Amino acid sequence: MKILHLNFSDNKGGASRAAVRLHESLLNNSIDSNFFCLFSKIKKKNFKIISPKNYKLQINLIKYYFGKLLGKF
């Protein structure tokens, strides 16, 4: 199973912190989890920052891969 978390940041607000805890818990249980956000203070494996400079390109890539994933169902 592959999990992708999309969030605005990794440390602002309760939802962000809960998403980070969920992501880390999944990694600790050997589940393929990735965390994408616009603003990050955490520098760990599987945390990826969507650069504000080219976020439209990155969002389009995410949409493309979601489309491929959803097409399998």
Protein backbone atom coordinates (compact mmCIF):
# COMPACT_ATOMS: atom_id res chain seq x y z
CA MET A 1 0.00 0.00 0.00
CA LYS A 2 1.25 3.50 -0.82
CA ILE A 3 0.07 6.51 1.18
CA LEU A 4 0.46 10.16 0.18
CA HIS A 5 -0.31 12.94 2.65
CA LEU A 6 -0.85 16.42 1.18
CA ASN A 7 -0.84 19.33 3.60
CA PHE A 8 -0.15 23.05 3.74
CA SER A 9 2.58 22.70 6.36
CA ASP A 10 4.05 20.11 8.67
CA ASN A 11 3.85 22.01 11.94
CA LYS A 12 1.09 24.66 11.91
CA GLY A 13 -2.12 23.57 13.55
CA GLY A 14 -3.40 20.35 15.02
CA ALA A 15 -4.29 18.74 11.70
CA SER A 16 -0.73 19.19 10.42
CA ARG A 17 0.77 17.66 13.54
CA ALA A 18 -1.72 14.78 13.43
CA ALA A 19 -0.86 14.12 9.76
CA VAL A 20 2.86 14.06 10.62
CA ARG A 21 2.26 11.62 13.49
CA LEU A 22 0.17 9.40 11.22
CA HIS A 23 2.85 9.52 8.51
CA GLU A 24 5.61 8.61 10.98
CA SER A 25 3.53 5.80 12.45
CA LEU A 26 2.95 4.33 8.99
CA LEU A 27 6.69 4.48 8.25
CA ASN A 28 7.44 2.75 11.57
CA ASN A 29 5.09 -0.05 10.49
CA SER A 30 6.90 -0.48 7.14
CA ILE A 31 4.13 1.12 5.07
CA ASP A 32 5.19 3.23 2.10
CA SER A 33 4.11 6.74 3.16
CA ASN A 34 5.09 10.14 1.75
CA PHE A 35 4.30 13.61 3.07
CA PHE A 36 4.08 16.61 0.71
CA CYS A 37 3.63 20.16 1.98
CA LEU A 38 4.25 23.76 0.93
CA PHE A 39 6.05 24.85 4.10
CA SER A 40 8.22 22.53 6.16
CA LYS A 41 10.44 22.73 9.21
CA ILE A 42 10.96 18.97 9.37
CA LYS A 43 13.85 17.55 7.38
CA LYS A 44 13.28 13.81 7.36
CA LYS A 45 12.99 10.98 4.89
CA ASN A 46 9.75 10.94 2.92
CA PHE A 47 8.97 14.62 3.68
CA LYS A 48 8.89 16.58 0.45
CA ILE A 49 8.44 20.30 0.11
CA ILE A 50 6.36 21.52 -2.81
CA SER A 51 8.28 24.59 -3.89
CA PRO A 52 6.13 27.73 -4.13
CA LYS A 53 8.14 28.69 -7.24
CA ASN A 54 6.96 25.74 -9.31
CA TYR A 55 4.09 24.34 -7.28
CA LYS A 56 1.74 24.35 -10.30
CA LEU A 57 3.99 21.87 -12.10
CA GLN A 58 4.25 19.71 -9.00
CA ILE A 59 0.48 19.80 -8.42
CA ASN A 60 -0.07 18.76 -12.06
CA LEU A 61 2.31 15.83 -11.55
CA ILE A 62 0.37 14.77 -8.46
CA LYS A 63 -2.90 15.02 -10.41
CA TYR A 64 -1.39 12.93 -13.20
CA TYR A 65 -0.28 10.17 -10.83
CA PHE A 66 -3.63 10.22 -9.01
CA GLY A 67 -5.34 9.86 -12.37
CA LYS A 68 -3.17 6.85 -13.20
CA LEU A 69 -3.82 5.34 -9.78
CA LEU A 70 -7.57 5.87 -9.95
CA GLY A 71 -7.65 4.45 -13.46
CA LYS A 72 -6.56 1.08 -12.04
CA PHE A 73 -9.78 0.65 -10.06
